[in-house]
Protein backbone atom coordinates (compact mmCIF):
# COMPACT_ATOMS: atom_id res chain seq x y z
CA MET A 1 73.96 130.56 101.26
CA LEU A 2 72.23 127.57 99.40
CA ASN A 3 72.33 129.75 96.18
CA LYS A 4 76.15 129.12 96.15
CA VAL A 5 75.45 125.40 96.32
CA ASP A 6 73.05 125.52 93.56
CA GLU A 7 75.65 127.60 91.46
CA SER A 8 78.43 125.20 92.23
CA ILE A 9 76.18 122.23 91.02
CA LYS A 10 75.65 124.07 87.81
CA ASN A 11 79.47 124.89 87.35
CA PHE A 12 79.88 121.02 87.72
CA ILE A 13 77.23 120.18 85.17
CA ARG A 14 78.55 122.97 82.81
CA GLU A 15 82.01 121.26 82.83
CA LEU A 16 80.56 118.28 81.24
CA ASN A 17 80.09 120.43 78.26
CA GLU A 18 77.02 118.56 77.16
CA ASP A 19 73.83 120.57 76.37
CA ILE A 20 71.53 117.58 76.94
CA VAL A 21 72.70 117.08 80.45
CA THR A 22 72.38 120.63 81.56
CA ASP A 23 68.87 120.72 80.14
CA LEU A 24 67.93 117.61 81.81
CA TYR A 25 69.41 118.63 85.11
CA ASP A 26 67.32 122.06 84.74
CA ARG A 27 64.32 120.01 84.85
CA ILE A 28 64.87 118.44 88.06
CA SER A 29 62.56 119.71 90.80
CA SER A 30 64.83 121.29 93.55
CA GLY A 31 64.06 120.17 97.18
CA LYS A 32 64.83 121.91 100.46
CA LYS A 33 68.39 120.67 100.14
CA LEU A 34 68.48 119.46 103.92
CA ARG A 35 71.92 117.71 103.51
CA ALA A 36 73.56 120.76 101.93
CA LYS A 37 71.97 123.11 104.60
CA LEU A 38 73.49 120.84 107.44
CA ILE A 39 76.78 121.12 105.91
CA MET A 40 76.65 124.89 105.71
CA LYS A 41 75.14 125.02 109.25
CA ILE A 42 77.88 122.78 110.75
CA SER A 43 80.89 124.31 108.88
CA SER A 44 81.46 127.79 107.82
CA ALA A 45 79.02 129.20 105.52
CA LYS A 46 81.94 130.97 103.67
CA SER A 47 84.05 127.94 103.43
CA HIS A 48 84.64 127.00 99.82
CA GLN A 49 85.28 123.39 100.71
CA ALA A 50 81.94 123.31 102.52
CA ILE A 51 80.07 124.71 99.40
CA ILE A 52 81.79 121.97 97.27
CA LEU A 53 81.14 119.16 99.66
CA ALA A 54 77.47 120.29 100.07
CA SER A 55 77.10 120.36 96.12
CA ILE A 56 78.48 116.79 95.98
CA VAL A 57 76.10 115.47 98.49
CA GLU A 58 73.17 117.17 96.71
CA MET A 59 74.40 115.65 93.41
CA ILE A 60 74.54 112.26 95.07
CA HIS A 61 71.01 112.69 96.61
CA ALA A 62 69.46 114.05 93.35
CA ALA A 63 70.94 110.88 91.31
CA SER A 64 69.31 108.31 94.06
CA LEU A 65 65.89 110.21 93.45
CA LEU A 66 66.29 109.97 89.71
CA HIS A 67 66.94 105.98 90.15
CA ASP A 68 64.21 105.75 93.03
CA ASP A 69 61.63 107.31 90.68
CA VAL A 70 62.34 104.70 88.08
CA ILE A 71 62.14 101.74 90.58
CA ASP A 72 58.80 103.22 91.99
CA GLU A 73 57.52 104.14 88.55
CA ALA A 74 56.79 107.43 89.82
CA ASP A 75 54.96 109.91 87.58
CA THR A 76 55.78 112.93 89.63
CA ARG A 77 58.51 114.42 92.03
CA ARG A 78 57.88 117.20 94.33
CA GLY A 79 54.42 118.00 92.54
CA LYS A 80 56.28 118.18 88.89
CA GLU A 81 56.37 115.41 86.29
CA SER A 82 59.61 113.27 86.99
CA ILE A 83 62.33 112.83 84.49
CA ASN A 84 61.35 109.10 83.88
CA PHE A 85 58.03 110.16 83.23
CA LEU A 86 58.89 112.75 80.64
CA PHE A 87 61.92 111.36 78.88
CA GLY A 88 61.79 107.67 79.84
CA ASN A 89 63.72 105.28 82.25
CA LYS A 90 66.95 104.79 80.21
CA THR A 91 67.31 108.67 80.48
CA ALA A 92 66.49 108.98 84.08
CA ILE A 93 69.03 106.24 85.02
CA MET A 94 71.84 107.62 82.86
CA LEU A 95 71.39 110.97 84.29
CA GLY A 96 71.52 109.67 87.77
CA ASP A 97 74.75 107.65 86.87
CA ILE A 98 76.09 111.06 85.38
CA LEU A 99 75.43 112.83 88.70
CA TYR A 100 77.06 109.90 90.77
CA SER A 101 79.98 109.82 88.59
CA LYS A 102 80.68 113.68 88.65
CA ALA A 103 80.12 113.74 92.52
CA PHE A 104 82.69 111.05 93.19
CA PHE A 105 85.29 112.71 90.70
CA GLU A 106 84.99 116.01 92.74
CA LEU A 107 84.77 113.91 96.11
CA CYS A 108 88.50 112.85 95.29
CA ASN A 109 89.56 116.30 96.02
CA PHE A 110 88.62 115.80 99.67
CA SER A 111 90.55 113.83 102.52
CA LYS A 112 90.58 110.12 102.57
CA ASP A 113 88.29 110.10 105.51
CA ILE A 114 85.66 112.46 104.22
CA ALA A 115 85.63 110.53 100.93
CA LYS A 116 85.15 107.13 102.51
CA THR A 117 82.34 108.63 104.74
CA ILE A 118 80.37 109.83 101.72
CA SER A 119 81.28 106.78 99.54
CA ASN A 120 80.19 104.41 102.45
CA ALA A 121 76.98 106.34 102.68
CA VAL A 122 76.27 105.82 99.07
CA THR A 123 76.81 102.17 99.22
CA LEU A 124 74.25 101.91 102.18
CA LEU A 125 72.01 104.01 100.56
CA SER A 126 71.97 101.76 97.52
CA VAL A 127 71.47 98.56 99.67
CA GLY A 128 68.68 100.43 101.29
CA GLU A 129 66.90 100.88 98.18
CA LEU A 130 67.37 97.24 97.25
CA LEU A 131 65.99 96.37 100.84
CA ASP A 132 62.92 98.71 100.27
CA VAL A 133 62.20 96.80 97.07
CA GLU A 134 62.41 93.22 98.80
CA LEU A 135 60.19 94.31 101.68
CA SER A 136 57.49 95.65 99.35
CA HIS A 137 56.93 91.99 98.30
CA SER A 138 54.75 91.13 101.51
CA PHE A 139 53.27 93.17 104.28
CA ASN A 140 56.30 93.47 106.91
CA THR A 141 55.65 93.36 110.57
CA ASP A 142 59.42 93.42 111.65
CA LYS A 143 60.18 97.10 112.84
CA GLU A 144 64.01 96.08 113.18
CA LYS A 145 63.88 95.43 109.20
CA TYR A 146 61.96 98.65 108.84
CA PHE A 147 64.46 100.95 110.68
CA ASP A 148 67.43 99.08 109.07
CA MET A 149 66.10 99.82 105.60
CA ILE A 150 65.22 103.52 106.41
CA TYR A 151 68.65 104.06 108.05
CA LYS A 152 70.37 102.96 104.91
CA LYS A 153 68.30 104.34 102.23
CA THR A 154 67.35 107.56 103.92
CA ALA A 155 69.33 108.40 107.16
CA SER A 156 73.01 107.09 106.06
CA LEU A 157 73.63 110.16 103.56
CA ILE A 158 72.23 112.57 106.11
CA GLU A 159 74.47 111.05 108.83
CA ALA A 160 77.44 111.24 106.37
CA ALA A 161 76.81 114.76 105.50
CA SER A 162 76.75 115.92 108.93
CA SER A 163 79.86 114.08 110.32
CA SER A 164 81.78 114.84 107.19
CA ALA A 165 80.89 118.51 107.81
CA ALA A 166 82.21 118.12 111.39
CA MET A 167 85.50 116.69 110.10
CA LEU A 168 85.94 119.61 107.78
CA THR A 169 85.39 121.97 110.85
CA GLY A 170 87.49 120.05 113.44
CA PHE A 171 84.48 119.12 115.41
CA ASP A 172 83.63 115.84 116.95
CA GLU A 173 82.40 113.79 114.14
CA LYS A 174 81.03 111.16 116.17
CA LYS A 175 78.45 113.54 117.98
CA PHE A 176 77.54 114.91 114.65
CA ALA A 177 76.92 111.54 113.05
CA VAL A 178 74.47 110.79 115.99
CA TYR A 179 72.78 113.96 115.29
CA GLY A 180 72.71 113.26 111.51
CA LYS A 181 71.40 109.65 111.93
CA ASN A 182 68.70 110.42 114.15
CA LEU A 183 67.64 113.43 112.25
CA GLY A 184 67.51 111.26 109.01
CA LEU A 185 65.50 108.47 110.85
CA ALA A 186 63.14 110.93 111.97
CA PHE A 187 62.82 112.74 108.90
CA GLN A 188 61.66 109.61 107.01
CA ILE A 189 59.35 108.61 109.75
CA ILE A 190 57.72 111.94 109.66
CA ASP A 191 57.47 111.56 105.96
CA ASP A 192 55.53 108.12 106.58
CA VAL A 193 53.19 109.78 108.89
CA LEU A 194 52.46 112.67 106.46
CA ASP A 195 51.72 110.14 103.70
CA ILE A 196 48.90 108.85 105.98
CA THR A 197 47.60 112.30 107.37
CA SER A 198 48.15 114.67 104.49
CA ASN A 199 46.18 115.41 101.36
CA ASP A 200 47.38 114.93 97.68
CA LYS A 201 47.98 118.68 97.21
CA MET A 202 50.35 118.86 100.31
CA LEU A 203 52.26 115.79 99.48
CA GLY A 204 52.49 116.34 95.71
CA LYS A 205 51.48 112.65 95.33
CA PRO A 206 48.41 110.63 96.05
CA ALA A 207 47.83 110.29 99.79
CA MET A 208 48.39 106.72 101.12
CA ASN A 209 50.67 105.81 98.07
CA ASP A 210 53.25 104.23 100.28
CA PHE A 211 50.96 101.53 101.14
CA LYS A 212 49.80 101.01 97.53
CA GLU A 213 53.40 100.70 96.46
CA GLY A 214 53.85 98.00 99.04
CA LYS A 215 55.77 100.14 101.90
CA THR A 216 54.74 98.96 105.17
CA THR A 217 55.84 102.05 107.29
CA LEU A 218 56.11 102.27 111.11
CA PRO A 219 52.24 103.51 111.62
CA TYR A 220 51.07 100.36 109.72
CA ILE A 221 53.17 97.97 111.77
CA PHE A 222 51.94 99.71 115.01
CA LEU A 223 48.30 99.54 113.84
CA TYR A 224 48.82 95.81 112.70
CA GLU A 225 49.90 94.93 116.09
CA LYS A 226 46.75 96.41 117.76
CA LEU A 227 44.06 95.30 115.49
CA ASN A 228 41.94 92.23 116.03
CA ASN A 229 42.06 89.44 113.63
CA LYS A 230 39.14 90.49 111.49
CA ASP A 231 40.55 94.07 111.17
CA ARG A 232 44.05 92.68 110.37
CA GLU A 233 42.46 90.61 107.48
CA LYS A 234 40.94 93.90 106.12
CA LEU A 235 44.21 95.80 106.36
CA LEU A 236 46.01 92.98 104.43
CA THR A 237 43.37 93.06 101.71
CA LEU A 238 44.21 96.75 101.23
CA PHE A 239 47.93 96.20 100.83
CA LYS A 240 49.33 97.17 97.44
CA LYS A 241 45.93 97.91 96.26
CA ASP A 242 44.17 101.31 94.95
CA ILE A 243 42.53 102.25 98.50
CA SER A 244 39.03 103.84 98.10
CA LYS A 245 38.20 106.99 100.06
CA SER A 246 36.11 104.99 102.46
CA ASP A 247 38.98 102.57 103.06
CA GLN A 248 41.44 105.59 103.58
CA ASN A 249 39.15 106.81 106.20
CA TRP A 250 38.83 103.50 107.91
CA ILE A 251 42.70 103.36 108.18
CA LYS A 252 42.78 106.90 109.66
CA GLU A 253 40.08 106.10 112.18
CA LYS A 254 41.95 102.71 113.06
CA MET A 255 45.23 104.75 113.29
CA GLN A 256 43.72 106.96 115.74
CA GLU A 257 41.81 104.26 117.89
CA SER A 258 44.89 102.22 118.07
CA ARG A 259 47.31 105.10 118.90
CA ALA A 260 49.53 103.96 116.16
CA LEU A 261 50.47 107.60 114.85
CA GLY A 262 50.84 108.56 118.45
CA LYS A 263 53.48 105.96 119.26
CA THR A 264 55.21 106.83 115.97
CA LEU A 265 55.47 110.45 116.79
CA ASP A 266 56.66 109.37 120.39
CA ILE A 267 59.69 107.52 118.57
CA VAL A 268 60.33 110.74 116.48
CA ASN A 269 60.31 112.94 119.47
CA HIS A 270 62.86 110.44 121.26
CA LEU A 271 65.26 110.42 118.21
CA ALA A 272 64.96 114.28 118.11
CA ASP A 273 65.83 114.48 122.01
CA GLU A 274 68.89 112.02 121.39
CA ALA A 275 70.18 114.14 118.39
CA LEU A 276 69.92 117.49 120.15
CA ASP A 277 71.72 115.95 123.21
CA ALA A 278 74.52 114.81 121.23
CA ILE A 279 75.55 118.26 119.99
CA LYS A 280 74.35 120.22 123.04
CA ASP A 281 78.14 121.46 123.80
CA TYR A 282 78.14 123.17 120.39
CA LYS A 283 75.13 125.31 121.15
CA ASN A 284 74.11 125.64 117.52
CA LYS A 285 70.70 127.19 117.49
CA GLU A 286 70.30 126.67 113.86
CA LEU A 287 70.73 122.89 113.93
CA GLU A 288 68.28 122.81 116.80
CA LYS A 289 65.76 124.89 114.62
CA ILE A 290 66.40 122.49 111.68
CA ILE A 291 65.25 119.34 113.64
CA LYS A 292 62.39 121.08 115.47
CA ASP A 293 60.86 122.37 112.32
CA MET A 294 61.38 118.96 110.76
CA ILE A 295 59.26 117.12 113.38
CA GLN A 296 56.72 120.10 113.71
CA ARG A 297 55.73 119.69 109.89
CA GLU A 298 51.86 119.75 109.70
CA TYR A 299 50.24 116.32 110.17
């Protein structure tokens, strides 16, 4: 199923008739293609339009990650050397622009409603990236700002993929938008938890790298609320710093004592329940499995 999406994207890249673009794209580390998988599971896997829509959304996602790696000055992506590390920021940015542009060109072949839904999500995604940068300047204690940022940066495109697939199939796009939005929020929150609980090998990047980069994720906000003044001061001294092993252990211990991780996972489970309730009438076991597998990742 997803191999058809891969081949469709490669065909789009080949249509550009530029060997350098083909070579660069081949170096991008392939992910799980969650957004494409959603589109294919909601609509018919045999539908040519579904394959094309999934390809467009995955190209947009790939472009956003190329730009994200430049902003974060990331050396790796999914355990492999990033495009910006290998070829420089200019090349990574331009490759992202090419993928965005080609995706929007192909999106013009879809209905106005689908095109507006996807393009609006890309606008939100870009705003979310800007908000992420702005929030990184200081330790953020505002949960509303955190949720607004992760909705725009991560969940908006997953929401759009889900609702657009529903439009394509004649389903209730509002119900599938709820499913996609909640899946996207829960997905990002679980990633934030894994950054704290997993090791470098599992993450494909250094553990607790988010905090070093200035990302005050939900577990840290909950932790800050529960700490005494002395421990709060210590936590703030570690913000945007290289964190030693002993300080990493201190953070993990405090996360457990304060139940910050537990409260975070409670929210994830609530989001998952709402998502499944929204599409319960469709009795789609595969969509149920996607969200259950996502929240049960090892942490």
